């Protein structure tokens, strides 16, 4: 089993910044074996991928709406994944979830709320 715990969410004004962290643990978790990602779900909307990073950190993906504003990174030595969010907009308001994938198996964290006020 793999456990993912997110932190760093909160209330911020538009234009502000937040840094989300995801701590991974578990007897079966090997940082170099997992692709990681951040997803979000706003009220009444489906969960969407925000940013992903492959196991080595060499390849990243960003959804169009966050390109140039968000940066995903991972520290395999610390089993951590981060999402630096700058120039936040009210439409970024959502619950943000950390995700870890290895082959057909995936794990989710419990989520952290991000609220951006206008």
N, C-alpha and C. Protein backbone atom coordinates (compact mmCIF):
# COMPACT_ATOMS: atom_id res chain seq x y z
N UNK A 1 0.84 -1.20 0.00
CA UNK A 1 0.00 0.00 0.00
C UNK A 1 0.86 1.24 0.00
N UNK A 2 0.32 2.28 -0.61
CA UNK A 2 0.98 3.58 -0.68
C UNK A 2 0.05 4.62 -0.07
N UNK A 3 0.60 5.46 0.77
CA UNK A 3 -0.16 6.55 1.35
C UNK A 3 0.36 7.88 0.81
N UNK A 4 -0.57 8.73 0.45
CA UNK A 4 -0.23 10.06 -0.05
C UNK A 4 -0.93 11.09 0.82
N UNK A 5 -0.17 12.05 1.32
CA UNK A 5 -0.74 13.08 2.19
C UNK A 5 -0.39 14.45 1.62
N UNK A 6 -1.43 15.20 1.25
CA UNK A 6 -1.23 16.54 0.71
C UNK A 6 -1.25 17.58 1.81
N UNK A 7 -0.56 18.68 1.56
CA UNK A 7 -0.59 19.82 2.48
C UNK A 7 -0.29 21.08 1.68
N UNK A 8 -0.56 22.23 2.30
CA UNK A 8 -0.21 23.50 1.67
C UNK A 8 -1.37 24.27 1.08
N UNK A 9 -2.57 23.68 1.09
CA UNK A 9 -3.71 24.40 0.57
C UNK A 9 -4.13 25.53 1.50
N UNK A 10 -5.08 26.33 1.04
CA UNK A 10 -5.56 27.42 1.87
C UNK A 10 -6.29 28.46 1.06
N UNK A 11 -6.51 29.61 1.68
CA UNK A 11 -7.20 30.73 1.05
C UNK A 11 -6.17 31.77 0.63
N UNK A 12 -6.25 32.22 -0.60
CA UNK A 12 -5.30 33.20 -1.11
C UNK A 12 -6.04 34.15 -2.05
N UNK A 13 -5.58 35.37 -2.13
CA UNK A 13 -6.17 36.32 -3.05
C UNK A 13 -5.68 36.06 -4.47
N UNK A 14 -6.48 36.47 -5.43
CA UNK A 14 -6.08 36.35 -6.83
C UNK A 14 -4.74 37.04 -7.05
N UNK A 15 -3.89 36.37 -7.81
CA UNK A 15 -2.54 36.88 -8.05
C UNK A 15 -1.51 36.34 -7.08
N UNK A 16 -1.98 35.70 -6.02
CA UNK A 16 -1.07 35.16 -5.02
C UNK A 16 -0.51 33.80 -5.40
N UNK A 17 0.24 33.23 -4.46
CA UNK A 17 0.91 31.96 -4.70
C UNK A 17 0.67 31.00 -3.54
N UNK A 18 0.72 29.72 -3.88
CA UNK A 18 0.69 28.64 -2.90
C UNK A 18 1.61 27.54 -3.38
N UNK A 19 2.15 26.79 -2.43
CA UNK A 19 2.95 25.62 -2.77
C UNK A 19 2.33 24.40 -2.10
N UNK A 20 1.87 23.48 -2.92
CA UNK A 20 1.31 22.23 -2.40
C UNK A 20 2.42 21.20 -2.29
N UNK A 21 2.32 20.39 -1.25
CA UNK A 21 3.27 19.30 -1.05
C UNK A 21 2.52 17.99 -0.92
N UNK A 22 3.13 16.92 -1.37
CA UNK A 22 2.57 15.59 -1.26
C UNK A 22 3.65 14.67 -0.72
N UNK A 23 3.40 14.10 0.43
CA UNK A 23 4.34 13.16 1.04
C UNK A 23 3.87 11.74 0.78
N UNK A 24 4.73 10.95 0.18
CA UNK A 24 4.41 9.57 -0.15
C UNK A 24 5.10 8.64 0.82
N UNK A 25 4.39 7.60 1.20
CA UNK A 25 4.98 6.61 2.11
C UNK A 25 4.33 5.26 1.86
N UNK A 26 4.90 4.24 2.48
CA UNK A 26 4.36 2.90 2.33
C UNK A 26 5.45 1.91 2.01
N UNK A 27 5.22 0.70 2.42
CA UNK A 27 6.25 -0.33 2.25
C UNK A 27 6.52 -0.61 0.79
N UNK A 28 5.50 -0.40 -0.08
CA UNK A 28 5.68 -0.72 -1.48
C UNK A 28 6.04 0.50 -2.32
N UNK A 29 6.26 1.64 -1.68
CA UNK A 29 6.52 2.84 -2.45
C UNK A 29 8.00 3.01 -2.71
N UNK A 30 8.33 3.06 -3.97
CA UNK A 30 9.69 3.36 -4.41
C UNK A 30 9.58 4.56 -5.33
N UNK A 31 10.11 5.69 -4.91
CA UNK A 31 9.89 6.94 -5.62
C UNK A 31 10.25 6.86 -7.09
N UNK A 32 11.34 6.17 -7.41
CA UNK A 32 11.78 6.12 -8.79
C UNK A 32 10.87 5.28 -9.66
N UNK A 33 9.95 4.53 -9.06
CA UNK A 33 9.09 3.66 -9.84
C UNK A 33 7.75 4.29 -10.20
N UNK A 34 7.45 5.44 -9.62
CA UNK A 34 6.12 6.01 -9.75
C UNK A 34 6.11 7.31 -10.55
N UNK A 35 5.15 7.40 -11.46
CA UNK A 35 4.80 8.68 -12.06
C UNK A 35 3.85 9.37 -11.08
N UNK A 36 4.00 10.68 -10.93
CA UNK A 36 3.20 11.42 -9.95
C UNK A 36 2.43 12.54 -10.64
N UNK A 37 1.37 12.97 -9.97
CA UNK A 37 0.61 14.05 -10.57
C UNK A 37 -0.26 14.77 -9.58
N UNK A 38 -0.72 15.94 -9.99
CA UNK A 38 -1.68 16.72 -9.24
C UNK A 38 -2.95 16.84 -10.08
N UNK A 39 -4.06 16.54 -9.47
CA UNK A 39 -5.37 16.66 -10.09
C UNK A 39 -6.19 17.64 -9.24
N UNK A 40 -7.26 18.15 -9.81
CA UNK A 40 -8.15 19.01 -9.04
C UNK A 40 -9.60 18.76 -9.43
N UNK A 41 -10.45 19.05 -8.48
CA UNK A 41 -11.89 18.90 -8.73
C UNK A 41 -12.61 20.07 -8.09
N UNK A 42 -13.27 20.85 -8.93
CA UNK A 42 -14.07 21.97 -8.47
C UNK A 42 -15.51 21.50 -8.28
N UNK A 43 -16.29 22.19 -7.47
CA UNK A 43 -17.69 21.78 -7.24
C UNK A 43 -18.45 21.68 -8.55
N UNK A 44 -19.13 20.55 -8.73
CA UNK A 44 -19.93 20.36 -9.92
C UNK A 44 -19.17 20.01 -11.17
N UNK A 45 -17.86 19.83 -11.04
CA UNK A 45 -17.03 19.51 -12.21
C UNK A 45 -16.31 18.18 -12.00
N UNK A 46 -15.86 17.62 -13.11
CA UNK A 46 -15.11 16.38 -13.04
C UNK A 46 -13.66 16.66 -12.59
N UNK A 47 -13.06 15.63 -12.03
CA UNK A 47 -11.65 15.75 -11.65
C UNK A 47 -10.80 15.85 -12.92
N UNK A 48 -9.84 16.77 -12.90
CA UNK A 48 -9.00 16.95 -14.08
C UNK A 48 -7.52 16.92 -13.68
N UNK A 49 -6.70 16.49 -14.63
CA UNK A 49 -5.26 16.50 -14.41
C UNK A 49 -4.74 17.92 -14.54
N UNK A 50 -3.99 18.37 -13.57
CA UNK A 50 -3.40 19.70 -13.58
C UNK A 50 -1.95 19.63 -14.08
N UNK A 51 -1.19 18.74 -13.49
CA UNK A 51 0.22 18.59 -13.86
C UNK A 51 0.68 17.20 -13.48
N UNK A 52 1.53 16.62 -14.32
CA UNK A 52 2.09 15.31 -14.01
C UNK A 52 3.59 15.33 -14.27
N UNK A 53 4.28 14.40 -13.61
CA UNK A 53 5.72 14.29 -13.77
C UNK A 53 6.09 12.82 -13.77
N UNK A 54 6.98 12.43 -14.68
CA UNK A 54 7.28 11.01 -14.76
C UNK A 54 8.24 10.60 -13.65
N UNK A 55 8.53 9.31 -13.59
CA UNK A 55 9.25 8.76 -12.46
C UNK A 55 10.62 9.43 -12.25
N UNK A 56 11.27 9.79 -13.34
CA UNK A 56 12.61 10.35 -13.21
C UNK A 56 12.59 11.87 -13.04
N UNK A 57 11.46 12.48 -13.31
CA UNK A 57 11.37 13.93 -13.27
C UNK A 57 11.76 14.60 -14.56
N UNK A 58 12.05 13.81 -15.57
CA UNK A 58 12.53 14.38 -16.83
C UNK A 58 11.40 14.84 -17.74
N UNK A 59 10.20 14.36 -17.51
CA UNK A 59 9.08 14.68 -18.38
C UNK A 59 7.91 15.20 -17.55
N UNK A 60 7.37 16.33 -17.98
CA UNK A 60 6.23 16.91 -17.28
C UNK A 60 5.10 17.23 -18.26
N UNK A 61 3.91 17.34 -17.70
CA UNK A 61 2.72 17.73 -18.46
C UNK A 61 1.97 18.75 -17.64
N UNK A 62 1.41 19.75 -18.34
CA UNK A 62 0.55 20.75 -17.70
C UNK A 62 -0.69 20.95 -18.54
N UNK A 63 -1.81 21.04 -17.89
CA UNK A 63 -3.01 21.40 -18.62
C UNK A 63 -2.86 22.86 -19.09
N UNK A 64 -3.51 23.17 -20.19
CA UNK A 64 -3.29 24.47 -20.81
C UNK A 64 -3.57 25.65 -19.88
N UNK A 65 -4.56 25.50 -19.02
CA UNK A 65 -4.98 26.63 -18.18
C UNK A 65 -3.97 27.00 -17.10
N UNK A 66 -2.98 26.14 -16.85
CA UNK A 66 -2.00 26.45 -15.80
C UNK A 66 -0.58 26.63 -16.34
N UNK A 67 -0.40 26.41 -17.63
CA UNK A 67 0.94 26.54 -18.22
C UNK A 67 1.50 27.94 -17.98
N UNK A 68 2.75 27.99 -17.54
CA UNK A 68 3.39 29.26 -17.26
C UNK A 68 3.12 29.79 -15.87
N UNK A 69 2.19 29.18 -15.14
CA UNK A 69 1.85 29.62 -13.79
C UNK A 69 2.20 28.57 -12.73
N UNK A 70 2.02 27.30 -13.06
CA UNK A 70 2.25 26.21 -12.11
C UNK A 70 3.52 25.45 -12.50
N UNK A 71 4.20 24.91 -11.50
CA UNK A 71 5.37 24.09 -11.73
C UNK A 71 5.32 22.87 -10.83
N UNK A 72 5.43 21.69 -11.43
CA UNK A 72 5.47 20.45 -10.67
C UNK A 72 6.92 19.99 -10.54
N UNK A 73 7.24 19.44 -9.38
CA UNK A 73 8.59 18.92 -9.16
C UNK A 73 8.50 17.77 -8.18
N UNK A 74 9.55 16.96 -8.16
CA UNK A 74 9.57 15.84 -7.22
C UNK A 74 10.97 15.67 -6.66
N UNK A 75 11.02 15.22 -5.43
CA UNK A 75 12.28 14.93 -4.75
C UNK A 75 12.23 13.45 -4.38
N UNK A 76 12.84 12.63 -5.20
CA UNK A 76 12.75 11.19 -4.98
C UNK A 76 13.44 10.78 -3.68
N UNK A 77 14.45 11.48 -3.29
CA UNK A 77 15.14 11.12 -2.05
C UNK A 77 14.26 11.34 -0.83
N UNK A 78 13.34 12.28 -0.93
CA UNK A 78 12.45 12.59 0.20
C UNK A 78 11.04 12.05 0.00
N UNK A 79 10.80 11.39 -1.14
CA UNK A 79 9.46 10.88 -1.45
C UNK A 79 8.43 12.00 -1.43
N UNK A 80 8.78 13.12 -2.05
CA UNK A 80 7.91 14.29 -2.04
C UNK A 80 7.63 14.74 -3.47
N UNK A 81 6.44 15.27 -3.67
CA UNK A 81 6.05 15.92 -4.91
C UNK A 81 5.47 17.29 -4.56
N UNK A 82 5.80 18.28 -5.36
CA UNK A 82 5.37 19.64 -5.08
C UNK A 82 4.62 20.23 -6.28
N UNK A 83 3.77 21.17 -5.99
CA UNK A 83 3.12 21.97 -7.03
C UNK A 83 3.21 23.42 -6.62
N UNK A 84 4.08 24.16 -7.29
CA UNK A 84 4.18 25.59 -7.06
C UNK A 84 3.16 26.30 -7.93
N UNK A 85 2.27 27.04 -7.30
CA UNK A 85 1.20 27.70 -8.02
C UNK A 85 1.34 29.21 -7.87
N UNK A 86 1.59 29.89 -8.97
CA UNK A 86 1.74 31.34 -8.98
C UNK A 86 0.61 31.98 -9.79
N UNK A 87 0.44 33.27 -9.60
CA UNK A 87 -0.58 34.02 -10.33
C UNK A 87 -1.93 33.32 -10.27
N UNK A 88 -2.32 32.93 -9.09
CA UNK A 88 -3.55 32.17 -8.93
C UNK A 88 -4.78 32.98 -9.32
N UNK A 89 -5.76 32.27 -9.87
CA UNK A 89 -7.00 32.87 -10.34
C UNK A 89 -8.17 32.24 -9.60
N UNK A 90 -9.29 32.94 -9.50
CA UNK A 90 -10.46 32.34 -8.84
C UNK A 90 -10.86 31.00 -9.45
N UNK A 91 -10.64 30.83 -10.74
CA UNK A 91 -11.01 29.57 -11.39
C UNK A 91 -10.08 28.42 -11.02
N UNK A 92 -9.01 28.70 -10.28
CA UNK A 92 -8.15 27.64 -9.77
C UNK A 92 -8.70 27.03 -8.48
N UNK A 93 -9.77 27.61 -7.95
CA UNK A 93 -10.37 27.10 -6.74
C UNK A 93 -10.87 25.68 -6.93
N UNK A 94 -10.42 24.78 -6.06
CA UNK A 94 -10.77 23.37 -6.18
C UNK A 94 -10.12 22.60 -5.03
N UNK A 95 -10.49 21.34 -4.92
CA UNK A 95 -9.75 20.42 -4.06
C UNK A 95 -8.65 19.80 -4.94
N UNK A 96 -7.44 19.87 -4.46
CA UNK A 96 -6.30 19.36 -5.21
C UNK A 96 -5.86 18.01 -4.62
N UNK A 97 -5.69 17.05 -5.51
CA UNK A 97 -5.35 15.69 -5.11
C UNK A 97 -3.99 15.28 -5.68
N UNK A 98 -3.22 14.60 -4.87
CA UNK A 98 -1.97 14.01 -5.31
C UNK A 98 -2.25 12.59 -5.81
N UNK A 99 -1.54 12.20 -6.85
CA UNK A 99 -1.75 10.89 -7.47
C UNK A 99 -0.41 10.23 -7.75
N UNK A 100 -0.35 8.93 -7.52
CA UNK A 100 0.86 8.15 -7.82
C UNK A 100 0.43 6.95 -8.65
N UNK A 101 1.16 6.71 -9.73
CA UNK A 101 0.81 5.62 -10.65
C UNK A 101 2.04 4.79 -10.96
N UNK A 102 1.82 3.48 -10.92
CA UNK A 102 2.87 2.55 -11.34
C UNK A 102 2.18 1.45 -12.13
N UNK A 103 2.34 1.46 -13.42
CA UNK A 103 1.64 0.50 -14.26
C UNK A 103 0.14 0.69 -14.13
N UNK A 104 -0.60 -0.40 -13.85
CA UNK A 104 -2.07 -0.30 -13.75
C UNK A 104 -2.57 0.11 -12.37
N UNK A 105 -1.66 0.35 -11.45
CA UNK A 105 -2.06 0.64 -10.07
C UNK A 105 -1.87 2.12 -9.77
N UNK A 106 -2.89 2.72 -9.19
CA UNK A 106 -2.82 4.14 -8.83
C UNK A 106 -3.31 4.38 -7.42
N UNK A 107 -2.81 5.44 -6.83
CA UNK A 107 -3.18 5.81 -5.47
C UNK A 107 -3.52 7.30 -5.44
N UNK A 108 -4.42 7.65 -4.50
CA UNK A 108 -4.84 9.04 -4.33
C UNK A 108 -4.66 9.49 -2.89
N UNK A 109 -4.37 10.76 -2.73
CA UNK A 109 -4.39 11.35 -1.42
C UNK A 109 -5.80 11.79 -1.07
N UNK A 110 -5.95 12.39 0.11
CA UNK A 110 -7.28 12.79 0.57
C UNK A 110 -7.67 14.16 0.05
N UNK A 111 -6.74 14.90 -0.49
CA UNK A 111 -7.03 16.20 -1.08
C UNK A 111 -6.78 17.35 -0.14
N UNK A 112 -6.49 18.50 -0.72
CA UNK A 112 -6.33 19.73 0.04
C UNK A 112 -7.05 20.85 -0.69
N UNK A 113 -7.78 21.66 0.06
CA UNK A 113 -8.62 22.70 -0.54
C UNK A 113 -7.78 23.93 -0.87
N UNK A 114 -7.95 24.41 -2.08
CA UNK A 114 -7.36 25.68 -2.51
C UNK A 114 -8.50 26.61 -2.89
N UNK A 115 -8.56 27.75 -2.25
CA UNK A 115 -9.58 28.74 -2.54
C UNK A 115 -8.93 30.06 -2.90
N UNK A 116 -9.27 30.58 -4.07
CA UNK A 116 -8.69 31.83 -4.55
C UNK A 116 -9.81 32.87 -4.60
N UNK A 117 -9.66 33.92 -3.84
CA UNK A 117 -10.67 34.97 -3.80
C UNK A 117 -10.35 36.06 -4.81
N UNK A 118 -11.42 36.66 -5.33
CA UNK A 118 -11.23 37.71 -6.36
C UNK A 118 -11.09 39.08 -5.72
